[in-house]
Amino acid sequence: MFPFTKQEQTILFCLALVILSGSLLNLINKKYPALNNIINVIDSDIIYSKVDINRANVSDLTQIPYIGTYTARNIVEYRQQNGLFKSVDQILMVKGIRAKNFKRFSKHLKL
């Protein structure tokens, strides 16, 4: 039928499916712009309240986007060893926290 192998046909089918799905999502987004607002709320300050880094425990910190258990434990340990944080930027001194991730979750932190 086609001069393609079975594997090539599968890949072409998947590629066509991805393109069709993307086009469909784009069409829906243009037709119903309110859906875009719903999607943007997910990563906004509306859902996630600010967490006090000087009082938060591991459980509180893991509720913040981009902070997992490992990072939360490191934050609590750093605070116990070095005292209270004097600024939110001081979190960059905690083991395992990089500037890129800090930019993502710093808006959810307070003193």
PDB file of N, CA and C in Angstrom:
ATOM      1  N   MET A   1       0.828  -1.187   0.000  1.00  0.00           N
ATOM      2  CA  MET A   1       0.000   0.000   0.000  1.00  0.00           C
ATOM      3  C   MET A   1       0.876   1.255   0.000  1.00  0.00           C
ATOM      4  N   PHE A   2       1.740   1.393   1.026  1.00  0.00           N
ATOM      5  CA  PHE A   2       2.681   2.507   1.099  1.00  0.00           C
ATOM      6  C   PHE A   2       4.088   1.939   0.962  1.00  0.00           C
ATOM      7  N   PRO A   3       5.004   2.741   0.420  1.00  0.00           N
ATOM      8  CA  PRO A   3       6.383   2.250   0.328  1.00  0.00           C
ATOM      9  C   PRO A   3       7.154   2.435   1.639  1.00  0.00           C
ATOM     10  N   PHE A   4       6.434   2.492   2.755  1.00  0.00           N
ATOM     11  CA  PHE A   4       7.063   2.661   4.060  1.00  0.00           C
ATOM     12  C   PHE A   4       6.994   1.362   4.846  1.00  0.00           C
ATOM     13  N   THR A   5       7.974   1.175   5.734  1.00  0.00           N
ATOM     14  CA  THR A   5       7.939   0.010   6.623  1.00  0.00           C
ATOM     15  C   THR A   5       6.870   0.230   7.681  1.00  0.00           C
ATOM     16  N   LYS A   6       6.551  -0.820   8.400  1.00  0.00           N
ATOM     17  CA  LYS A   6       5.538  -0.728   9.458  1.00  0.00           C
ATOM     18  C   LYS A   6       5.954   0.307  10.508  1.00  0.00           C
ATOM     19  N   GLN A   7       7.225   0.318  10.871  1.00  0.00           N
ATOM     20  CA  GLN A   7       7.722   1.268  11.871  1.00  0.00           C
ATOM     21  C   GLN A   7       7.604   2.706  11.357  1.00  0.00           C
ATOM     22  N   GLU A   8       7.935   2.933  10.102  1.00  0.00           N
ATOM     23  CA  GLU A   8       7.824   4.273   9.527  1.00  0.00           C
ATOM     24  C   GLU A   8       6.366   4.726   9.465  1.00  0.00           C
ATOM     25  N   GLN A   9       5.467   3.807   9.124  1.00  0.00           N
ATOM     26  CA  GLN A   9       4.043   4.134   9.093  1.00  0.00           C
ATOM     27  C   GLN A   9       3.551   4.537  10.484  1.00  0.00           C
ATOM     28  N   THR A  10       4.015   3.823  11.508  1.00  0.00           N
ATOM     29  CA  THR A  10       3.621   4.132  12.886  1.00  0.00           C
ATOM     30  C   THR A  10       4.109   5.519  13.280  1.00  0.00           C
ATOM     31  N   ILE A  11       5.338   5.828  12.938  1.00  0.00           N
ATOM     32  CA  ILE A  11       5.902   7.138  13.269  1.00  0.00           C
ATOM     33  C   ILE A  11       5.150   8.249  12.536  1.00  0.00           C
ATOM     34  N   LEU A  12       4.857   8.049  11.260  1.00  0.00           N
ATOM     35  CA  LEU A  12       4.104   9.046  10.500  1.00  0.00           C
ATOM     36  C   LEU A  12       2.703   9.234  11.066  1.00  0.00           C
ATOM     37  N   PHE A  13       2.075   8.144  11.483  1.00  0.00           N
ATOM     38  CA  PHE A  13       0.748   8.229  12.087  1.00  0.00           C
ATOM     39  C   PHE A  13       0.803   9.043  13.379  1.00  0.00           C
ATOM     40  N   CYS A  14       1.796   8.756  14.223  1.00  0.00           N
ATOM     41  CA  CYS A  14       1.939   9.493  15.490  1.00  0.00           C
ATOM     42  C   CYS A  14       2.218  10.971  15.232  1.00  0.00           C
ATOM     43  N   LEU A  15       3.051  11.260  14.260  1.00  0.00           N
ATOM     44  CA  LEU A  15       3.357  12.643  13.913  1.00  0.00           C
ATOM     45  C   LEU A  15       2.100  13.371  13.433  1.00  0.00           C
ATOM     46  N   ALA A  16       1.328  12.718  12.583  1.00  0.00           N
ATOM     47  CA  ALA A  16       0.077  13.314  12.100  1.00  0.00           C
ATOM     48  C   ALA A  16      -0.892  13.542  13.255  1.00  0.00           C
ATOM     49  N   LEU A  17      -0.931  12.612  14.199  1.00  0.00           N
ATOM     50  CA  LEU A  17      -1.808  12.735  15.361  1.00  0.00           C
ATOM     51  C   LEU A  17      -1.403  13.926  16.232  1.00  0.00           C
ATOM     52  N   VAL A  18      -0.115  14.119  16.425  1.00  0.00           N
ATOM     53  CA  VAL A  18       0.380  15.250  17.215  1.00  0.00           C
ATOM     54  C   VAL A  18       0.033  16.572  16.528  1.00  0.00           C
ATOM     55  N   ILE A  19       0.240  16.636  15.223  1.00  0.00           N
ATOM     56  CA  ILE A  19      -0.080  17.861  14.477  1.00  0.00           C
ATOM     57  C   ILE A  19      -1.575  18.145  14.534  1.00  0.00           C
ATOM     58  N   LEU A  20      -2.388  17.127  14.359  1.00  0.00           N
ATOM     59  CA  LEU A  20      -3.839  17.291  14.419  1.00  0.00           C
ATOM     60  C   LEU A  20      -4.281  17.742  15.810  1.00  0.00           C
ATOM     61  N   SER A  21      -3.702  17.144  16.844  1.00  0.00           N
ATOM     62  CA  SER A  21      -4.050  17.524  18.222  1.00  0.00           C
ATOM     63  C   SER A  21      -3.678  18.978  18.500  1.00  0.00           C
ATOM     64  N   GLY A  22      -2.493  19.383  18.081  1.00  0.00           N
ATOM     65  CA  GLY A  22      -2.058  20.764  18.272  1.00  0.00           C
ATOM     66  C   GLY A  22      -2.954  21.747  17.538  1.00  0.00           C
ATOM     67  N   SER A  23      -3.325  21.400  16.316  1.00  0.00           N
ATOM     68  CA  SER A  23      -4.228  22.264  15.544  1.00  0.00           C
ATOM     69  C   SER A  23      -5.589  22.373  16.210  1.00  0.00           C
ATOM     70  N   LEU A  24      -6.083  21.257  16.711  1.00  0.00           N
ATOM     71  CA  LEU A  24      -7.378  21.249  17.386  1.00  0.00           C
ATOM     72  C   LEU A  24      -7.338  22.102  18.660  1.00  0.00           C
ATOM     73  N   LEU A  25      -6.276  21.959  19.447  1.00  0.00           N
ATOM     74  CA  LEU A  25      -6.139  22.771  20.661  1.00  0.00           C
ATOM     75  C   LEU A  25      -6.032  24.259  20.330  1.00  0.00           C
ATOM     76  N   ASN A  26      -5.314  24.580  19.267  1.00  0.00           N
ATOM     77  CA  ASN A  26      -5.191  25.974  18.842  1.00  0.00           C
ATOM     78  C   ASN A  26      -6.548  26.532  18.418  1.00  0.00           C
ATOM     79  N   LEU A  27      -7.319  25.748  17.682  1.00  0.00           N
ATOM     80  CA  LEU A  27      -8.650  26.167  17.251  1.00  0.00           C
ATOM     81  C   LEU A  27      -9.574  26.383  18.448  1.00  0.00           C
ATOM     82  N   ILE A  28      -9.538  25.463  19.395  1.00  0.00           N
ATOM     83  CA  ILE A  28     -10.365  25.589  20.600  1.00  0.00           C
ATOM     84  C   ILE A  28      -9.959  26.826  21.394  1.00  0.00           C
ATOM     85  N   ASN A  29      -8.662  27.069  21.487  1.00  0.00           N
ATOM     86  CA  ASN A  29      -8.170  28.235  22.225  1.00  0.00           C
ATOM     87  C   ASN A  29      -8.641  29.539  21.587  1.00  0.00           C
ATOM     88  N   LYS A  30      -8.671  29.573  20.255  1.00  0.00           N
ATOM     89  CA  LYS A  30      -9.138  30.778  19.561  1.00  0.00           C
ATOM     90  C   LYS A  30     -10.646  30.946  19.686  1.00  0.00           C
ATOM     91  N   LYS A  31     -11.373  29.841  19.664  1.00  0.00           N
ATOM     92  CA  LYS A  31     -12.830  29.911  19.727  1.00  0.00           C
ATOM     93  C   LYS A  31     -13.324  30.213  21.142  1.00  0.00           C
ATOM     94  N   TYR A  32     -12.620  29.691  22.148  1.00  0.00           N
ATOM     95  CA  TYR A  32     -13.001  29.873  23.551  1.00  0.00           C
ATOM     96  C   TYR A  32     -11.829  30.468  24.334  1.00  0.00           C
ATOM     97  N   PRO A  33     -11.571  31.763  24.204  1.00  0.00           N
ATOM     98  CA  PRO A  33     -10.409  32.366  24.883  1.00  0.00           C
ATOM     99  C   PRO A  33     -10.484  32.306  26.402  1.00  0.00           C
ATOM    100  N   ALA A  34     -11.669  32.120  26.952  1.00  0.00           N
ATOM    101  CA  ALA A  34     -11.793  32.019  28.412  1.00  0.00           C
ATOM    102  C   ALA A  34     -11.047  30.801  28.944  1.00  0.00           C
ATOM    103  N   LEU A  35     -10.918  29.761  28.129  1.00  0.00           N
ATOM    104  CA  LEU A  35     -10.177  28.568  28.560  1.00  0.00           C
ATOM    105  C   LEU A  35      -8.710  28.893  28.815  1.00  0.00           C
ATOM    106  N   ASN A  36      -8.167  29.814  28.051  1.00  0.00           N
ATOM    107  CA  ASN A  36      -6.775  30.212  28.240  1.00  0.00           C
ATOM    108  C   ASN A  36      -6.576  30.842  29.610  1.00  0.00           C
ATOM    109  N   ASN A  37      -7.553  31.619  30.066  1.00  0.00           N
ATOM    110  CA  ASN A  37      -7.471  32.228  31.396  1.00  0.00           C
ATOM    111  C   ASN A  37      -7.476  31.163  32.485  1.00  0.00           C
ATOM    112  N   ILE A  38      -8.259  30.121  32.297  1.00  0.00           N
ATOM    113  CA  ILE A  38      -8.307  29.031  33.280  1.00  0.00           C
ATOM    114  C   ILE A  38      -6.955  28.343  33.366  1.00  0.00           C
ATOM    115  N   ILE A  39      -6.342  28.112  32.230  1.00  0.00           N
ATOM    116  CA  ILE A  39      -5.034  27.448  32.206  1.00  0.00           C
ATOM    117  C   ILE A  39      -3.979  28.325  32.872  1.00  0.00           C
ATOM    118  N   ASN A  40      -4.026  29.634  32.643  1.00  0.00           N
ATOM    119  CA  ASN A  40      -3.043  30.543  33.237  1.00  0.00           C
ATOM    120  C   ASN A  40      -3.187  30.659  34.744  1.00  0.00           C
ATOM    121  N   VAL A  41      -4.363  30.418  35.278  1.00  0.00           N
ATOM    122  CA  VAL A  41      -4.589  30.498  36.726  1.00  0.00           C
ATOM    123  C   VAL A  41      -3.807  29.414  37.454  1.00  0.00           C
ATOM    124  N   ILE A  42      -3.593  28.292  36.811  1.00  0.00           N
ATOM    125  CA  ILE A  42      -2.941  27.158  37.457  1.00  0.00           C
ATOM    126  C   ILE A  42      -1.559  27.529  37.987  1.00  0.00           C
ATOM    127  N   ASP A  43      -0.812  28.340  37.279  1.00  0.00           N
ATOM    128  CA  ASP A  43       0.544  28.695  37.706  1.00  0.00           C
ATOM    129  C   ASP A  43       0.624  30.129  38.227  1.00  0.00           C
ATOM    130  N   SER A  44      -0.465  30.646  38.734  1.00  0.00           N
ATOM    131  CA  SER A  44      -0.465  32.025  39.205  1.00  0.00           C
ATOM    132  C   SER A  44      -0.506  32.089  40.727  1.00  0.00           C
ATOM    133  N   ASP A  45      -0.457  33.299  41.237  1.00  0.00           N
ATOM    134  CA  ASP A  45      -0.501  33.516  42.681  1.00  0.00           C
ATOM    135  C   ASP A  45      -1.895  33.313  43.255  1.00  0.00           C
ATOM    136  N   ILE A  46      -2.891  33.193  42.415  1.00  0.00           N
ATOM    137  CA  ILE A  46      -4.261  33.033  42.896  1.00  0.00           C
ATOM    138  C   ILE A  46      -4.413  31.729  43.678  1.00  0.00           C
ATOM    139  N   ILE A  47      -3.804  30.672  43.207  1.00  0.00           N
ATOM    140  CA  ILE A  47      -3.943  29.365  43.853  1.00  0.00           C
ATOM    141  C   ILE A  47      -2.951  29.192  44.997  1.00  0.00           C
ATOM    142  N   TYR A  48      -1.719  29.620  44.796  1.00  0.00           N
ATOM    143  CA  TYR A  48      -0.670  29.387  45.779  1.00  0.00           C
ATOM    144  C   TYR A  48      -0.446  30.635  46.629  1.00  0.00           C
ATOM    145  N   SER A  49      -0.730  30.517  47.909  1.00  0.00           N
ATOM    146  CA  SER A  49      -0.466  31.648  48.799  1.00  0.00           C
ATOM    147  C   SER A  49       1.015  31.655  49.165  1.00  0.00           C
ATOM    148  N   LYS A  50       1.489  32.780  49.655  1.00  0.00           N
ATOM    149  CA  LYS A  50       2.899  32.884  50.034  1.00  0.00           C
ATOM    150  C   LYS A  50       3.152  32.147  51.341  1.00  0.00           C
ATOM    151  N   VAL A  51       4.293  31.479  51.395  1.00  0.00           N
ATOM    152  CA  VAL A  51       4.681  30.688  52.561  1.00  0.00           C
ATOM    153  C   VAL A  51       5.834  31.390  53.269  1.00  0.00           C
ATOM    154  N   ASP A  52       5.726  31.514  54.585  1.00  0.00           N
ATOM    155  CA  ASP A  52       6.773  32.125  55.404  1.00  0.00           C
ATOM    156  C   ASP A  52       7.911  31.117  55.561  1.00  0.00           C
ATOM    157  N   ILE A  53       9.058  31.413  54.968  1.00  0.00           N
ATOM    158  CA  ILE A  53      10.167  30.456  54.986  1.00  0.00           C
ATOM    159  C   ILE A  53      10.807  30.311  56.361  1.00  0.00           C
ATOM    160  N   ASN A  54      10.538  31.221  57.262  1.00  0.00           N
ATOM    161  CA  ASN A  54      11.088  31.100  58.609  1.00  0.00           C
ATOM    162  C   ASN A  54      10.195  30.281  59.531  1.00  0.00           C
ATOM    163  N   ARG A  55       8.994  29.988  59.115  1.00  0.00           N
ATOM    164  CA  ARG A  55       8.071  29.203  59.945  1.00  0.00           C
ATOM    165  C   ARG A  55       7.638  27.898  59.294  1.00  0.00           C
ATOM    166  N   ALA A  56       7.832  27.777  58.010  1.00  0.00           N
ATOM    167  CA  ALA A  56       7.322  26.623  57.266  1.00  0.00           C
ATOM    168  C   ALA A  56       8.065  25.343  57.615  1.00  0.00           C
ATOM    169  N   ASN A  57       7.307  24.252  57.666  1.00  0.00           N
ATOM    170  CA  ASN A  57       7.921  22.936  57.839  1.00  0.00           C
ATOM    171  C   ASN A  57       8.037  22.280  56.457  1.00  0.00           C
ATOM    172  N   VAL A  58       8.537  21.064  56.421  1.00  0.00           N
ATOM    173  CA  VAL A  58       8.743  20.363  55.151  1.00  0.00           C
ATOM    174  C   VAL A  58       7.433  20.233  54.386  1.00  0.00           C
ATOM    175  N   SER A  59       6.374  19.893  55.088  1.00  0.00           N
ATOM    176  CA  SER A  59       5.069  19.723  54.448  1.00  0.00           C
ATOM    177  C   SER A  59       4.577  21.025  53.814  1.00  0.00           C
ATOM    178  N   ASP A  60       4.745  22.135  54.522  1.00  0.00           N
ATOM    179  CA  ASP A  60       4.332  23.439  53.978  1.00  0.00           C
ATOM    180  C   ASP A  60       5.127  23.784  52.720  1.00  0.00           C
ATOM    181  N   LEU A  61       6.415  23.538  52.773  1.00  0.00           N
ATOM    182  CA  LEU A  61       7.281  23.896  51.650  1.00  0.00           C
ATOM    183  C   LEU A  61       7.013  23.050  50.412  1.00  0.00           C
ATOM    184  N   THR A  62       6.641  21.792  50.594  1.00  0.00           N
ATOM    185  CA  THR A  62       6.374  20.941  49.432  1.00  0.00           C
ATOM    186  C   THR A  62       5.074  21.311  48.728  1.00  0.00           C
ATOM    187  N   GLN A  63       4.271  22.161  49.324  1.00  0.00           N
ATOM    188  CA  GLN A  63       3.050  22.638  48.671  1.00  0.00           C
ATOM    189  C   GLN A  63       3.355  23.720  47.632  1.00  0.00           C
ATOM    190  N   ILE A  64       4.554  24.242  47.671  1.00  0.00           N
ATOM    191  CA  ILE A  64       4.967  25.281  46.724  1.00  0.00           C
ATOM    192  C   ILE A  64       5.403  24.608  45.420  1.00  0.00           C
ATOM    193  N   PRO A  65       4.965  25.145  44.285  1.00  0.00           N
ATOM    194  CA  PRO A  65       5.402  24.565  43.010  1.00  0.00           C
ATOM    195  C   PRO A  65       6.919  24.587  42.886  1.00  0.00           C
ATOM    196  N   TYR A  66       7.473  23.524  42.341  1.00  0.00           N
ATOM    197  CA  TYR A  66       8.903  23.362  42.080  1.00  0.00           C
ATOM    198  C   TYR A  66       9.742  23.069  43.320  1.00  0.00           C
ATOM    199  N   ILE A  67       9.124  22.874  44.484  1.00  0.00           N
ATOM    200  CA  ILE A  67       9.875  22.471  45.673  1.00  0.00           C
ATOM    201  C   ILE A  67       9.427  21.070  46.056  1.00  0.00           C
ATOM    202  N   GLY A  68      10.360  20.144  45.999  1.00  0.00           N
ATOM    203  CA  GLY A  68      10.075  18.769  46.389  1.00  0.00           C
ATOM    204  C   GLY A  68      10.531  18.506  47.812  1.00  0.00           C
ATOM    205  N   THR A  69      10.381  17.274  48.236  1.00  0.00           N
ATOM    206  CA  THR A  69      10.727  16.894  49.601  1.00  0.00           C
ATOM    207  C   THR A  69      12.210  17.125  49.893  1.00  0.00           C
ATOM    208  N   TYR A  70      13.068  16.752  48.961  1.00  0.00           N
ATOM    209  CA  TYR A  70      14.514  16.908  49.152  1.00  0.00           C
ATOM    210  C   TYR A  70      14.877  18.379  49.403  1.00  0.00           C
ATOM    211  N   THR A  71      14.376  19.255  48.555  1.00  0.00           N
ATOM    212  CA  THR A  71      14.668  20.685  48.689  1.00  0.00           C
ATOM    213  C   THR A  71      14.065  21.251  49.966  1.00  0.00           C
ATOM    214  N   ALA A  72      12.841  20.838  50.284  1.00  0.00           N
ATOM    215  CA  ALA A  72      12.178  21.321  51.503  1.00  0.00           C
ATOM    216  C   ALA A  72      12.985  20.931  52.737  1.00  0.00           C
ATOM    217  N   ARG A  73      13.472  19.701  52.770  1.00  0.00           N
ATOM    218  CA  ARG A  73      14.298  19.262  53.912  1.00  0.00           C
ATOM    219  C   ARG A  73      15.570  20.094  54.008  1.00  0.00           C
ATOM    220  N   ASN A  74      16.181  20.362  52.869  1.00  0.00           N
ATOM    221  CA  ASN A  74      17.408  21.167  52.871  1.00  0.00           C
ATOM    222  C   ASN A  74      17.147  22.586  53.374  1.00  0.00           C
ATOM    223  N   ILE A  75      16.005  23.147  53.023  1.00  0.00           N
ATOM    224  CA  ILE A  75      15.656  24.494  53.494  1.00  0.00           C
ATOM    225  C   ILE A  75      15.495  24.498  55.010  1.00  0.00           C
ATOM    226  N   VAL A  76      14.775  23.521  55.533  1.00  0.00           N
ATOM    227  CA  VAL A  76      14.550  23.436  56.985  1.00  0.00           C
ATOM    228  C   VAL A  76      15.871  23.198  57.714  1.00  0.00           C
ATOM    229  N   GLU A  77      16.709  22.301  57.193  1.00  0.00           N
ATOM    230  CA  GLU A  77      18.011  22.030  57.819  1.00  0.00           C
ATOM    231  C   GLU A  77      18.891  23.284  57.811  1.00  0.00           C
ATOM    232  N   TYR A  78      18.909  23.993  56.701  1.00  0.00           N
ATOM    233  CA  TYR A  78      19.706  25.215  56.608  1.00  0.00           C
ATOM    234  C   TYR A  78      19.239  26.224  57.653  1.00  0.00           C
ATOM    235  N   ARG A  79      17.943  26.375  57.787  1.00  0.00           N
ATOM    236  CA  ARG A  79      17.380  27.323  58.756  1.00  0.00           C
ATOM    237  C   ARG A  79      17.741  26.919  60.183  1.00  0.00           C
ATOM    238  N   GLN A  80      17.716  25.613  60.478  1.00  0.00           N
ATOM    239  CA  GLN A  80      18.058  25.142  61.821  1.00  0.00           C
ATOM    240  C   GLN A  80      19.535  25.369  62.129  1.00  0.00           C
ATOM    241  N   GLN A  81      20.388  25.208  61.135  1.00  0.00           N
ATOM    242  CA  GLN A  81      21.826  25.352  61.350  1.00  0.00           C
ATOM    243  C   GLN A  81      22.297  26.808  61.336  1.00  0.00           C
ATOM    244  N   ASN A  82      21.640  27.653  60.529  1.00  0.00           N
ATOM    245  CA  ASN A  82      22.124  29.022  60.325  1.00  0.00           C
ATOM    246  C   ASN A  82      21.206  30.103  60.880  1.00  0.00           C
ATOM    247  N   GLY A  83      20.107  29.715  61.467  1.00  0.00           N
ATOM    248  CA  GLY A  83      19.168  30.711  61.989  1.00  0.00           C
ATOM    249  C   GLY A  83      18.158  31.131  60.936  1.00  0.00           C
ATOM    250  N   LEU A  84      17.312  32.062  61.322  1.00  0.00           N
ATOM    251  CA  LEU A  84      16.241  32.510  60.436  1.00  0.00           C
ATOM    252  C   LEU A  84      16.795  33.202  59.193  1.00  0.00           C
ATOM    253  N   PHE A  85      16.047  33.096  58.119  1.00  0.00           N
ATOM    254  CA  PHE A  85      16.414  33.777  56.883  1.00  0.00           C
ATOM    255  C   PHE A  85      16.189  35.273  57.065  1.00  0.00           C
ATOM    256  N   LYS A  86      17.114  36.059  56.564  1.00  0.00           N
ATOM    257  CA  LYS A  86      16.988  37.511  56.648  1.00  0.00           C
ATOM    258  C   LYS A  86      16.406  38.093  55.365  1.00  0.00           C
ATOM    259  N   SER A  87      16.484  37.317  54.292  1.00  0.00           N
ATOM    260  CA  SER A  87      15.873  37.721  53.019  1.00  0.00           C
ATOM    261  C   SER A  87      15.503  36.454  52.246  1.00  0.00           C
ATOM    262  N   VAL A  88      14.571  36.599  51.343  1.00  0.00           N
ATOM    263  CA  VAL A  88      14.157  35.456  50.522  1.00  0.00           C
ATOM    264  C   VAL A  88      15.321  35.002  49.644  1.00  0.00           C
ATOM    265  N   ASP A  89      16.136  35.933  49.183  1.00  0.00           N
ATOM    266  CA  ASP A  89      17.283  35.591  48.333  1.00  0.00           C
ATOM    267  C   ASP A  89      18.295  34.693  49.030  1.00  0.00           C
ATOM    268  N   GLN A  90      18.291  34.688  50.343  1.00  0.00           N
ATOM    269  CA  GLN A  90      19.228  33.863  51.108  1.00  0.00           C
ATOM    270  C   GLN A  90      18.980  32.373  50.852  1.00  0.00           C
ATOM    271  N   ILE A  91      17.811  32.026  50.345  1.00  0.00           N
ATOM    272  CA  ILE A  91      17.500  30.623  50.038  1.00  0.00           C
ATOM    273  C   ILE A  91      18.453  30.076  48.984  1.00  0.00           C
ATOM    274  N   LEU A  92      19.039  30.956  48.191  1.00  0.00           N
ATOM    275  CA  LEU A  92      20.006  30.508  47.186  1.00  0.00           C
ATOM    276  C   LEU A  92      21.232  29.860  47.823  1.00  0.00           C
ATOM    277  N   MET A  93      21.445  30.079  49.104  1.00  0.00           N
ATOM    278  CA  MET A  93      22.569  29.465  49.818  1.00  0.00           C
ATOM    279  C   MET A  93      22.280  28.011  50.195  1.00  0.00           C
ATOM    280  N   VAL A  94      21.032  27.601  50.100  1.00  0.00           N
ATOM    281  CA  VAL A  94      20.633  26.241  50.473  1.00  0.00           C
ATOM    282  C   VAL A  94      21.123  25.265  49.412  1.00  0.00           C
ATOM    283  N   LYS A  95      21.642  24.139  49.867  1.00  0.00           N
ATOM    284  CA  LYS A  95      22.156  23.103  48.978  1.00  0.00           C
ATOM    285  C   LYS A  95      21.057  22.631  48.022  1.00  0.00           C
ATOM    286  N   GLY A  96      21.383  22.600  46.738  1.00  0.00           N
ATOM    287  CA  GLY A  96      20.467  22.059  45.742  1.00  0.00           C
ATOM    288  C   GLY A  96      19.546  23.069  45.085  1.00  0.00           C
ATOM    289  N   ILE A  97      19.577  24.320  45.532  1.00  0.00           N
ATOM    290  CA  ILE A  97      18.702  25.327  44.927  1.00  0.00           C
ATOM    291  C   ILE A  97      19.507  26.136  43.916  1.00  0.00           C
ATOM    292  N   ARG A  98      19.041  26.102  42.682  1.00  0.00           N
ATOM    293  CA  ARG A  98      19.698  26.839  41.609  1.00  0.00           C
ATOM    294  C   ARG A  98      18.895  28.096  41.294  1.00  0.00           C
ATOM    295  N   ALA A  99      19.551  29.053  40.685  1.00  0.00           N
ATOM    296  CA  ALA A  99      18.911  30.338  40.369  1.00  0.00           C
ATOM    297  C   ALA A  99      17.683  30.152  39.482  1.00  0.00           C
ATOM    298  N   LYS A 100      17.757  29.220  38.540  1.00  0.00           N
ATOM    299  CA  LYS A 100      16.634  28.992  37.623  1.00  0.00           C
ATOM    300  C   LYS A 100      15.388  28.551  38.389  1.00  0.00           C
ATOM    301  N   ASN A 101      15.545  27.584  39.289  1.00  0.00           N
ATOM    302  CA  ASN A 101      14.406  27.119  40.078  1.00  0.00           C
ATOM    303  C   ASN A 101      13.960  28.178  41.076  1.00  0.00           C
ATOM    304  N   PHE A 102      14.914  28.899  41.638  1.00  0.00           N
ATOM    305  CA  PHE A 102      14.578  29.955  42.592  1.00  0.00           C
ATOM    306  C   PHE A 102      13.649  30.986  41.953  1.00  0.00           C
ATOM    307  N   LYS A 103      13.920  31.339  40.704  1.00  0.00           N
ATOM    308  CA  LYS A 103      13.058  32.298  40.000  1.00  0.00           C
ATOM    309  C   LYS A 103      11.630  31.772  39.901  1.00  0.00           C
ATOM    310  N   ARG A 104      11.495  30.471  39.741  1.00  0.00           N
ATOM    311  CA  ARG A 104      10.168  29.871  39.582  1.00  0.00           C
ATOM    312  C   ARG A 104       9.355  29.898  40.872  1.00  0.00           C
ATOM    313  N   PHE A 105       9.994  29.611  42.002  1.00  0.00           N
ATOM    314  CA  PHE A 105       9.206  29.488  43.235  1.00  0.00           C
ATOM    315  C   PHE A 105       9.345  30.660  44.197  1.00  0.00           C
ATOM    316  N   SER A 106      10.257  31.585  43.950  1.00  0.00           N
ATOM    317  CA  SER A 106      10.478  32.682  44.904  1.00  0.00           C
ATOM    318  C   SER A 106       9.247  33.567  45.078  1.00  0.00           C
ATOM    319  N   LYS A 107       8.408  33.656  44.061  1.00  0.00           N
ATOM    320  CA  LYS A 107       7.211  34.495  44.180  1.00  0.00           C
ATOM    321  C   LYS A 107       6.208  33.930  45.180  1.00  0.00           C
ATOM    322  N   HIS A 108       6.417  32.692  45.606  1.00  0.00           N
ATOM    323  CA  HIS A 108       5.519  32.056  46.568  1.00  0.00           C
ATOM    324  C   HIS A 108       6.082  32.080  47.988  1.00  0.00           C
ATOM    325  N   LEU A 109       7.200  32.794  48.191  1.00  0.00           N
ATOM    326  CA  LEU A 109       7.849  32.836  49.502  1.00  0.00           C
ATOM    327  C   LEU A 109       7.756  34.224  50.121  1.00  0.00           C
ATOM    328  N   LYS A 110       7.773  34.247  51.440  1.00  0.00           N
ATOM    329  CA  LYS A 110       7.819  35.507  52.185  1.00  0.00           C
ATOM    330  C   LYS A 110       8.571  35.271  53.481  1.00  0.00           C
ATOM    331  N   LEU A 111       8.909  36.371  54.168  1.00  0.00           N
ATOM    332  CA  LEU A 111       9.571  36.279  55.477  1.00  0.00           C
ATOM    333  C   LEU A 111       8.545  36.462  56.568  1.00  0.00           C
TER     334      LEU A 111
END
